[in-house]
Amino acid sequence: MPPAGSLVFFKKEGLAVFLIPPLPGRRRIGILGGSFNPAHEGHLHIARQAMIHARLDQLWLMVSPGNPLKAPAGMAPFAARLASARKIADGRRIVATDIEKRLGTIYTVDTMAALRRRYPGQQFVWLMGADNLAQLPRWGRWMRIAAAMPILVLPRPGQTRRALSGQAAHRLARHRLPARAGVCLATAAPPAWILLPVRENASSATALRQRLAAEIL
């Protein structure tokens, strides 16, 4: 049997499937959802910073089967995106998972609710880059998202100031906690959020795809 909380990997109908068994006791788990088209150093930077500053026991790279706000054109197959997330994960504390696909949810608020039902004893922290905080009002039922889980926001080049002056930051201003409260964010009652003042990482999936395309030509 694998160690408690470790990644379980098998293949089903040719698709790599990553299951995360229920963790013993109460754990602090960070959720970094995204297309991972492909996963890159920027995702790993966010994951590592969150692990340190929010004292997380585990972090899940949750690969989305589809993003309602992104056009399907240029989106790699799900299996390829999941595989790219697995490459940057360590398989124990940072794990890649297809759980959103298996839950059958599309919208973040529904995914959050499903995760809480499946793992009722765990303390979740939702991670997002400042670019996602800026566009959060475009997400379905976004105020319910803020009320579902504590949120850890990581700075993104050229996006952080815009995010802090945006609608979501203003609506949620009274629920913002100081950065030093990151150590207890997982236990904070939502809505609660922190902007973590750490080094920005300029890596982006778009730039990576463009570079890989140029190398092929």
C-alpha atoms as a PDB file:
ATOM      1  CA  MET A   1       0.000   0.000   0.000  1.00  0.00           C
ATOM      2  CA  PRO A   2       1.257   3.531  -0.750  1.00  0.00           C
ATOM      3  CA  PRO A   3       1.945   5.925   2.121  1.00  0.00           C
ATOM      4  CA  ALA A   4      -1.096   7.848   3.349  1.00  0.00           C
ATOM      5  CA  GLY A   5      -1.729  10.898   1.222  1.00  0.00           C
ATOM      6  CA  SER A   6       0.563   9.758  -1.593  1.00  0.00           C
ATOM      7  CA  LEU A   7      -0.328   9.759  -5.266  1.00  0.00           C
ATOM      8  CA  VAL A   8      -1.954   6.658  -6.712  1.00  0.00           C
ATOM      9  CA  PHE A   9      -1.401   6.209 -10.435  1.00  0.00           C
ATOM     10  CA  PHE A  10      -2.968   3.823 -12.907  1.00  0.00           C
ATOM     11  CA  LYS A  11      -4.160   3.791 -16.499  1.00  0.00           C
ATOM     12  CA  LYS A  12      -7.729   3.488 -17.628  1.00  0.00           C
ATOM     13  CA  GLU A  13      -8.628   3.355 -21.313  1.00  0.00           C
ATOM     14  CA  GLY A  14      -5.211   4.769 -22.158  1.00  0.00           C
ATOM     15  CA  LEU A  15      -5.646   7.841 -19.926  1.00  0.00           C
ATOM     16  CA  ALA A  16      -3.340   8.433 -16.990  1.00  0.00           C
ATOM     17  CA  VAL A  17      -5.499   8.740 -13.881  1.00  0.00           C
ATOM     18  CA  PHE A  18      -4.283  10.254 -10.623  1.00  0.00           C
ATOM     19  CA  LEU A  19      -6.277   9.573  -7.504  1.00  0.00           C
ATOM     20  CA  ILE A  20      -5.723  11.237  -4.169  1.00  0.00           C
ATOM     21  CA  PRO A  21      -6.895   9.040  -1.293  1.00  0.00           C
ATOM     22  CA  PRO A  22      -8.482  10.626   1.784  1.00  0.00           C
ATOM     23  CA  LEU A  23      -5.759  11.907   4.075  1.00  0.00           C
ATOM     24  CA  PRO A  24      -5.631  10.741   7.692  1.00  0.00           C
ATOM     25  CA  GLY A  25      -6.548  13.391  10.218  1.00  0.00           C
ATOM     26  CA  ARG A  26      -7.045  17.017   9.339  1.00  0.00           C
ATOM     27  CA  ARG A  27      -4.617  18.392   6.756  1.00  0.00           C
ATOM     28  CA  ARG A  28      -4.030  21.755   5.121  1.00  0.00           C
ATOM     29  CA  ILE A  29      -4.421  21.295   1.383  1.00  0.00           C
ATOM     30  CA  GLY A  30      -3.803  23.918  -1.277  1.00  0.00           C
ATOM     31  CA  ILE A  31      -5.732  23.710  -4.559  1.00  0.00           C
ATOM     32  CA  LEU A  32      -4.124  25.214  -7.655  1.00  0.00           C
ATOM     33  CA  GLY A  33      -6.576  24.711 -10.493  1.00  0.00           C
ATOM     34  CA  GLY A  34      -5.893  25.583 -14.096  1.00  0.00           C
ATOM     35  CA  SER A  35      -5.592  24.443 -17.679  1.00  0.00           C
ATOM     36  CA  PHE A  36      -1.856  23.673 -17.338  1.00  0.00           C
ATOM     37  CA  ASN A  37      -1.488  24.136 -21.081  1.00  0.00           C
ATOM     38  CA  PRO A  38       1.269  23.205 -20.338  1.00  0.00           C
ATOM     39  CA  ALA A  39       2.395  23.238 -16.712  1.00  0.00           C
ATOM     40  CA  HIS A  40       5.552  25.315 -16.206  1.00  0.00           C
ATOM     41  CA  GLU A  41       8.009  26.812 -13.735  1.00  0.00           C
ATOM     42  CA  GLY A  42       5.545  29.559 -12.788  1.00  0.00           C
ATOM     43  CA  HIS A  43       3.052  26.978 -11.507  1.00  0.00           C
ATOM     44  CA  LEU A  44       5.772  25.281  -9.476  1.00  0.00           C
ATOM     45  CA  HIS A  45       6.904  28.642  -8.060  1.00  0.00           C
ATOM     46  CA  ILE A  46       3.354  29.392  -6.899  1.00  0.00           C
ATOM     47  CA  ALA A  47       2.996  25.917  -5.407  1.00  0.00           C
ATOM     48  CA  ARG A  48       6.255  26.105  -3.469  1.00  0.00           C
ATOM     49  CA  GLN A  49       5.575  29.596  -2.113  1.00  0.00           C
ATOM     50  CA  ALA A  50       2.105  28.543  -0.991  1.00  0.00           C
ATOM     51  CA  MET A  51       3.471  25.446   0.719  1.00  0.00           C
ATOM     52  CA  ILE A  52       5.915  27.573   2.687  1.00  0.00           C
ATOM     53  CA  HIS A  53       3.808  30.593   3.607  1.00  0.00           C
ATOM     54  CA  ALA A  54       0.484  28.846   4.251  1.00  0.00           C
ATOM     55  CA  ARG A  55       2.151  25.866   5.992  1.00  0.00           C
ATOM     56  CA  LEU A  56       0.354  23.431   3.679  1.00  0.00           C
ATOM     57  CA  ASP A  57       0.655  19.685   4.147  1.00  0.00           C
ATOM     58  CA  GLN A  58      -0.119  19.000   0.506  1.00  0.00           C
ATOM     59  CA  LEU A  59      -0.833  20.911  -2.683  1.00  0.00           C
ATOM     60  CA  TRP A  60      -2.929  19.627  -5.585  1.00  0.00           C
ATOM     61  CA  LEU A  61      -2.300  20.718  -9.161  1.00  0.00           C
ATOM     62  CA  MET A  62      -5.893  20.289 -10.295  1.00  0.00           C
ATOM     63  CA  VAL A  63      -5.967  20.046 -14.077  1.00  0.00           C
ATOM     64  CA  SER A  64      -9.226  21.380 -15.490  1.00  0.00           C
ATOM     65  CA  PRO A  65     -10.887  19.438 -18.310  1.00  0.00           C
ATOM     66  CA  GLY A  66     -12.068  22.769 -19.727  1.00  0.00           C
ATOM     67  CA  ASN A  67     -12.250  26.456 -18.845  1.00  0.00           C
ATOM     68  CA  PRO A  68     -15.502  28.289 -19.710  1.00  0.00           C
ATOM     69  CA  LEU A  69     -13.509  31.513 -20.128  1.00  0.00           C
ATOM     70  CA  LYS A  70     -10.935  30.048 -22.532  1.00  0.00           C
ATOM     71  CA  ALA A  71     -11.466  29.121 -26.170  1.00  0.00           C
ATOM     72  CA  PRO A  72     -10.845  25.429 -26.927  1.00  0.00           C
ATOM     73  CA  ALA A  73      -8.639  26.379 -29.895  1.00  0.00           C
ATOM     74  CA  GLY A  74      -4.994  25.816 -28.982  1.00  0.00           C
ATOM     75  CA  MET A  75      -5.882  23.746 -25.911  1.00  0.00           C
ATOM     76  CA  ALA A  76      -3.841  20.552 -25.716  1.00  0.00           C
ATOM     77  CA  PRO A  77      -5.625  17.246 -24.993  1.00  0.00           C
ATOM     78  CA  PHE A  78      -6.462  16.685 -21.355  1.00  0.00           C
ATOM     79  CA  ALA A  79      -4.092  13.725 -21.031  1.00  0.00           C
ATOM     80  CA  ALA A  80      -1.165  15.832 -22.284  1.00  0.00           C
ATOM     81  CA  ARG A  81      -1.932  18.656 -19.866  1.00  0.00           C
ATOM     82  CA  LEU A  82      -2.243  16.222 -16.966  1.00  0.00           C
ATOM     83  CA  ALA A  83       1.082  14.664 -17.924  1.00  0.00           C
ATOM     84  CA  SER A  84       2.759  18.089 -17.974  1.00  0.00           C
ATOM     85  CA  ALA A  85       1.467  18.802 -14.456  1.00  0.00           C
ATOM     86  CA  ARG A  86       2.788  15.450 -13.280  1.00  0.00           C
ATOM     87  CA  LYS A  87       6.260  16.372 -14.564  1.00  0.00           C
ATOM     88  CA  ILE A  88       6.535  19.354 -12.216  1.00  0.00           C
ATOM     89  CA  ALA A  89       4.973  17.566  -9.220  1.00  0.00           C
ATOM     90  CA  ASP A  90       6.890  15.470  -6.719  1.00  0.00           C
ATOM     91  CA  GLY A  91       4.077  12.948  -6.265  1.00  0.00           C
ATOM     92  CA  ARG A  92       3.844  13.318  -2.481  1.00  0.00           C
ATOM     93  CA  ARG A  93       3.486  16.881  -1.248  1.00  0.00           C
ATOM     94  CA  ILE A  94       2.793  18.425  -4.652  1.00  0.00           C
ATOM     95  CA  VAL A  95       0.573  16.130  -6.700  1.00  0.00           C
ATOM     96  CA  ALA A  96      -1.147  16.365 -10.069  1.00  0.00           C
ATOM     97  CA  THR A  97      -4.763  15.248 -10.139  1.00  0.00           C
ATOM     98  CA  ASP A  98      -7.632  14.786 -12.581  1.00  0.00           C
ATOM     99  CA  ILE A  99     -10.185  15.021  -9.776  1.00  0.00           C
ATOM    100  CA  GLU A 100     -12.178  17.871 -11.364  1.00  0.00           C
ATOM    101  CA  LYS A 101     -12.723  15.746 -14.476  1.00  0.00           C
ATOM    102  CA  ARG A 102     -13.909  12.846 -12.349  1.00  0.00           C
ATOM    103  CA  LEU A 103     -16.165  15.087 -10.279  1.00  0.00           C
ATOM    104  CA  GLY A 104     -17.798  16.205 -13.518  1.00  0.00           C
ATOM    105  CA  THR A 105     -17.864  19.870 -12.479  1.00  0.00           C
ATOM    106  CA  ILE A 106     -17.283  22.824 -14.792  1.00  0.00           C
ATOM    107  CA  TYR A 107     -17.548  25.880 -12.572  1.00  0.00           C
ATOM    108  CA  THR A 108     -15.175  26.591  -9.696  1.00  0.00           C
ATOM    109  CA  VAL A 109     -17.933  27.093  -7.147  1.00  0.00           C
ATOM    110  CA  ASP A 110     -19.303  23.614  -7.906  1.00  0.00           C
ATOM    111  CA  THR A 111     -15.835  22.066  -7.741  1.00  0.00           C
ATOM    112  CA  MET A 112     -15.251  23.638  -4.330  1.00  0.00           C
ATOM    113  CA  ALA A 113     -18.535  22.259  -3.004  1.00  0.00           C
ATOM    114  CA  ALA A 114     -17.782  18.797  -4.384  1.00  0.00           C
ATOM    115  CA  LEU A 115     -14.311  18.769  -2.814  1.00  0.00           C
ATOM    116  CA  ARG A 116     -15.716  19.686   0.579  1.00  0.00           C
ATOM    117  CA  ARG A 117     -18.255  16.876   0.331  1.00  0.00           C
ATOM    118  CA  ARG A 118     -15.637  14.318  -0.695  1.00  0.00           C
ATOM    119  CA  TYR A 119     -13.018  15.413   1.860  1.00  0.00           C
ATOM    120  CA  PRO A 120     -15.074  16.804   4.778  1.00  0.00           C
ATOM    121  CA  GLY A 121     -12.234  16.649   7.300  1.00  0.00           C
ATOM    122  CA  GLN A 122      -9.681  18.650   5.311  1.00  0.00           C
ATOM    123  CA  GLN A 123      -8.832  22.362   5.427  1.00  0.00           C
ATOM    124  CA  PHE A 124      -8.609  23.720   1.893  1.00  0.00           C
ATOM    125  CA  VAL A 125      -6.922  26.876   0.604  1.00  0.00           C
ATOM    126  CA  TRP A 126      -7.690  27.981  -2.946  1.00  0.00           C
ATOM    127  CA  LEU A 127      -4.729  29.410  -4.856  1.00  0.00           C
ATOM    128  CA  MET A 128      -4.899  31.895  -7.693  1.00  0.00           C
ATOM    129  CA  GLY A 129      -2.622  34.327  -9.450  1.00  0.00           C
ATOM    130  CA  ALA A 130      -3.318  38.048  -9.310  1.00  0.00           C
ATOM    131  CA  ASP A 131      -4.488  37.858 -12.934  1.00  0.00           C
ATOM    132  CA  ASN A 132      -7.328  35.577 -11.820  1.00  0.00           C
ATOM    133  CA  LEU A 133      -8.229  37.871  -8.934  1.00  0.00           C
ATOM    134  CA  ALA A 134      -8.588  40.683 -11.486  1.00  0.00           C
ATOM    135  CA  GLN A 135     -11.002  38.655 -13.607  1.00  0.00           C
ATOM    136  CA  LEU A 136     -12.786  36.893 -10.730  1.00  0.00           C
ATOM    137  CA  PRO A 137     -16.046  38.866 -11.284  1.00  0.00           C
ATOM    138  CA  ARG A 138     -16.298  37.119 -14.657  1.00  0.00           C
ATOM    139  CA  TRP A 139     -16.450  33.726 -12.966  1.00  0.00           C
ATOM    140  CA  GLY A 140     -19.853  32.196 -12.280  1.00  0.00           C
ATOM    141  CA  ARG A 141     -21.218  33.019  -8.799  1.00  0.00           C
ATOM    142  CA  TRP A 142     -17.912  34.561  -7.833  1.00  0.00           C
ATOM    143  CA  MET A 143     -19.005  35.851  -4.430  1.00  0.00           C
ATOM    144  CA  ARG A 144     -19.956  32.299  -3.505  1.00  0.00           C
ATOM    145  CA  ILE A 145     -16.455  31.243  -4.538  1.00  0.00           C
ATOM    146  CA  ALA A 146     -14.991  33.758  -2.096  1.00  0.00           C
ATOM    147  CA  ALA A 147     -17.306  32.450   0.618  1.00  0.00           C
ATOM    148  CA  ALA A 148     -16.450  28.788  -0.014  1.00  0.00           C
ATOM    149  CA  MET A 149     -12.728  28.612   0.780  1.00  0.00           C
ATOM    150  CA  PRO A 150      -9.928  30.898   2.005  1.00  0.00           C
ATOM    151  CA  ILE A 151      -7.994  32.253  -0.976  1.00  0.00           C
ATOM    152  CA  LEU A 152      -4.256  32.775  -1.343  1.00  0.00           C
ATOM    153  CA  VAL A 153      -3.375  35.206  -4.133  1.00  0.00           C
ATOM    154  CA  LEU A 154       0.085  35.151  -5.683  1.00  0.00           C
ATOM    155  CA  PRO A 155       1.492  38.177  -7.570  1.00  0.00           C
ATOM    156  CA  ARG A 156       1.807  38.039 -11.343  1.00  0.00           C
ATOM    157  CA  PRO A 157       3.931  40.374 -13.498  1.00  0.00           C
ATOM    158  CA  GLY A 158       1.911  43.362 -14.692  1.00  0.00           C
ATOM    159  CA  GLN A 159      -1.261  42.104 -13.005  1.00  0.00           C
ATOM    160  CA  THR A 160      -0.926  42.659  -9.272  1.00  0.00           C
ATOM    161  CA  ARG A 161      -1.722  46.385  -9.116  1.00  0.00           C
ATOM    162  CA  ARG A 162      -4.573  45.924 -11.572  1.00  0.00           C
ATOM    163  CA  ALA A 163      -5.984  43.146  -9.418  1.00  0.00           C
ATOM    164  CA  LEU A 164      -5.816  45.212  -6.228  1.00  0.00           C
ATOM    165  CA  SER A 165      -7.694  48.064  -7.886  1.00  0.00           C
ATOM    166  CA  GLY A 166     -10.306  45.752  -9.379  1.00  0.00           C
ATOM    167  CA  GLN A 167     -13.868  44.957  -8.417  1.00  0.00           C
ATOM    168  CA  ALA A 168     -13.152  41.740  -6.533  1.00  0.00           C
ATOM    169  CA  ALA A 169     -10.447  43.270  -4.324  1.00  0.00           C
ATOM    170  CA  HIS A 170     -12.711  46.217  -3.490  1.00  0.00           C
ATOM    171  CA  ARG A 171     -15.738  44.044  -2.708  1.00  0.00           C
ATOM    172  CA  LEU A 172     -13.637  41.753  -0.548  1.00  0.00           C
ATOM    173  CA  ALA A 173     -11.419  44.434   1.012  1.00  0.00           C
ATOM    174  CA  ARG A 174     -12.709  43.950   4.562  1.00  0.00           C
ATOM    175  CA  HIS A 175     -11.962  40.236   4.332  1.00  0.00           C
ATOM    176  CA  ARG A 176      -8.322  40.691   3.352  1.00  0.00           C
ATOM    177  CA  LEU A 177      -5.838  39.449   5.936  1.00  0.00           C
ATOM    178  CA  PRO A 178      -2.226  40.600   6.368  1.00  0.00           C
ATOM    179  CA  ALA A 179       0.418  38.508   4.657  1.00  0.00           C
ATOM    180  CA  ARG A 180       1.775  37.285   7.989  1.00  0.00           C
ATOM    181  CA  ALA A 181      -1.578  35.561   8.570  1.00  0.00           C
ATOM    182  CA  GLY A 182      -0.728  33.040   5.867  1.00  0.00           C
ATOM    183  CA  VAL A 183       0.234  30.517   8.535  1.00  0.00           C
ATOM    184  CA  CYS A 184      -3.368  30.408   9.750  1.00  0.00           C
ATOM    185  CA  LEU A 185      -5.197  31.029   6.465  1.00  0.00           C
ATOM    186  CA  ALA A 186      -6.297  27.389   6.182  1.00  0.00           C
ATOM    187  CA  THR A 187      -8.224  27.711   9.449  1.00  0.00           C
ATOM    188  CA  ALA A 188      -9.751  31.121   8.666  1.00  0.00           C
ATOM    189  CA  ALA A 189     -13.484  31.258   8.058  1.00  0.00           C
ATOM    190  CA  PRO A 190     -14.169  32.390   4.487  1.00  0.00           C
ATOM    191  CA  PRO A 191     -14.430  34.855   2.967  1.00  0.00           C
ATOM    192  CA  ALA A 192     -10.772  35.431   3.785  1.00  0.00           C
ATOM    193  CA  TRP A 193      -7.901  36.154   1.433  1.00  0.00           C
ATOM    194  CA  ILE A 194      -4.262  37.130   1.401  1.00  0.00           C
ATOM    195  CA  LEU A 195      -2.016  38.617  -1.239  1.00  0.00           C
ATOM    196  CA  LEU A 196       1.370  37.043  -0.692  1.00  0.00           C
ATOM    197  CA  PRO A 197       4.173  39.575  -1.359  1.00  0.00           C
ATOM    198  CA  VAL A 198       6.686  37.152  -2.863  1.00  0.00           C
ATOM    199  CA  ARG A 199       8.900  37.271  -5.929  1.00  0.00           C
ATOM    200  CA  GLU A 200       6.970  37.250  -9.181  1.00  0.00           C
ATOM    201  CA  ASN A 201       7.640  34.583 -11.770  1.00  0.00           C
ATOM    202  CA  ALA A 202       7.254  35.681 -15.370  1.00  0.00           C
ATOM    203  CA  SER A 203       6.757  32.187 -16.815  1.00  0.00           C
ATOM    204  CA  SER A 204       3.549  31.724 -18.777  1.00  0.00           C
ATOM    205  CA  ALA A 205       1.958  28.886 -20.708  1.00  0.00           C
ATOM    206  CA  THR A 206       1.327  31.196 -23.673  1.00  0.00           C
ATOM    207  CA  ALA A 207       4.998  32.162 -23.931  1.00  0.00           C
ATOM    208  CA  LEU A 208       6.034  28.537 -23.559  1.00  0.00           C
ATOM    209  CA  ARG A 209       3.691  27.401 -26.339  1.00  0.00           C
ATOM    210  CA  GLN A 210       4.996  30.154 -28.624  1.00  0.00           C
ATOM    211  CA  ARG A 211       8.605  29.171 -27.937  1.00  0.00           C
ATOM    212  CA  LEU A 212       7.923  25.503 -28.592  1.00  0.00           C
ATOM    213  CA  ALA A 213       6.113  26.368 -31.825  1.00  0.00           C
ATOM    214  CA  ALA A 214       9.064  28.493 -32.971  1.00  0.00           C
ATOM    215  CA  GLU A 215      11.456  25.639 -32.263  1.00  0.00           C
ATOM    216  CA  ILE A 216       9.394  23.306 -34.455  1.00  0.00           C
ATOM    217  CA  LEU A 217       9.396  25.719 -37.426  1.00  0.00           C
END
